Amino acid sequence: MANQIINYTTLLKNVEQMINLLEYDAMRSAGKAKVNVHSIHALYELADRYTEMLTKHVEPVVVPKQVKKSVEG
């Protein structure tokens, strides 16, 4: 079974890019701001968690890769 390493630095960078994109859309349209408010809030919470993990110098987490099983009928 192969393992995957979770890189929190890359995750944080990606979350920040998503936040910037959603905030840019919100500036252009009030309707999009209303639709995306929950996503933006959730992304800010994720960014806080990832930043906290990076400040604690947490080692990358090794997660076992899941194998997809096909269903034969």
Protein backbone atom coordinates (compact mmCIF):
# COMPACT_ATOMS: atom_id res chain seq x y z
CA MET A 1 0.00 0.00 0.00
CA ALA A 2 1.45 3.38 -1.05
CA ASN A 3 1.51 6.37 1.28
CA GLN A 4 0.75 10.01 0.52
CA ILE A 5 2.49 12.91 2.25
CA ILE A 6 0.38 15.95 3.11
CA ASN A 7 2.35 19.16 2.58
CA TYR A 8 0.68 21.89 4.65
CA THR A 9 2.71 24.70 3.04
CA THR A 10 1.30 23.87 -0.38
CA LEU A 11 -2.18 23.43 1.05
CA LEU A 12 -2.03 26.84 2.71
CA LYS A 13 -0.87 28.46 -0.52
CA ASN A 14 -3.76 26.85 -2.44
CA VAL A 15 -6.32 27.88 0.19
CA GLU A 16 -5.07 31.48 0.05
CA GLN A 17 -5.43 31.49 -3.75
CA MET A 18 -9.01 30.20 -3.45
CA ILE A 19 -9.81 32.91 -0.88
CA ASN A 20 -8.40 35.59 -3.17
CA LEU A 21 -10.43 34.33 -6.11
CA LEU A 22 -13.69 34.20 -4.16
CA GLU A 23 -13.09 37.64 -2.67
CA TYR A 24 -12.37 39.06 -6.13
CA ASP A 25 -15.66 37.61 -7.39
CA ALA A 26 -17.42 39.08 -4.36
CA MET A 27 -16.07 42.54 -5.18
CA ARG A 28 -17.54 42.33 -8.66
CA SER A 29 -21.03 41.22 -7.62
CA ALA A 30 -22.96 41.45 -4.38
CA GLY A 31 -24.90 38.32 -5.32
CA LYS A 32 -21.71 36.28 -5.56
CA ALA A 33 -20.61 37.62 -2.18
CA LYS A 34 -23.85 36.33 -0.68
CA VAL A 35 -23.46 32.92 -2.36
CA ASN A 36 -19.78 32.48 -1.47
CA VAL A 37 -19.81 33.78 2.11
CA HIS A 38 -19.89 30.31 3.68
CA SER A 39 -17.10 29.01 1.45
CA ILE A 40 -14.92 32.02 2.20
CA HIS A 41 -15.51 31.60 5.94
CA ALA A 42 -14.62 27.90 5.79
CA LEU A 43 -11.46 28.62 3.80
CA TYR A 44 -10.34 31.23 6.35
CA GLU A 45 -10.80 28.64 9.11
CA LEU A 46 -8.72 26.12 7.14
CA ALA A 47 -6.03 28.73 6.57
CA ASP A 48 -5.90 29.39 10.32
CA ARG A 49 -5.53 25.67 11.07
CA TYR A 50 -2.79 25.17 8.48
CA THR A 51 -0.93 28.26 9.70
CA GLU A 52 -1.13 26.97 13.26
CA MET A 53 0.25 23.60 12.18
CA LEU A 54 3.13 25.27 10.35
CA THR A 55 4.02 27.45 13.34
CA LYS A 56 4.16 24.35 15.55
CA HIS A 57 6.65 22.82 13.07
CA VAL A 58 4.50 19.78 12.48
CA GLU A 59 6.10 17.18 10.28
CA PRO A 60 4.24 16.28 7.08
CA VAL A 61 1.58 13.68 7.73
CA VAL A 62 1.84 10.37 5.91
CA VAL A 63 -1.61 9.13 4.95
CA PRO A 64 -2.15 5.66 3.50
CA LYS A 65 -3.41 5.90 -0.07
CA GLN A 66 -6.88 4.46 -0.45
CA VAL A 67 -7.42 1.92 -3.17
CA LYS A 68 -10.68 2.28 -5.04
CA LYS A 69 -12.61 -0.96 -5.27
CA SER A 70 -14.80 -1.60 -8.27
CA VAL A 71 -18.22 -3.13 -7.86
CA GLU A 72 -18.88 -5.99 -10.21
CA GLY A 73 -22.46 -6.97 -10.69
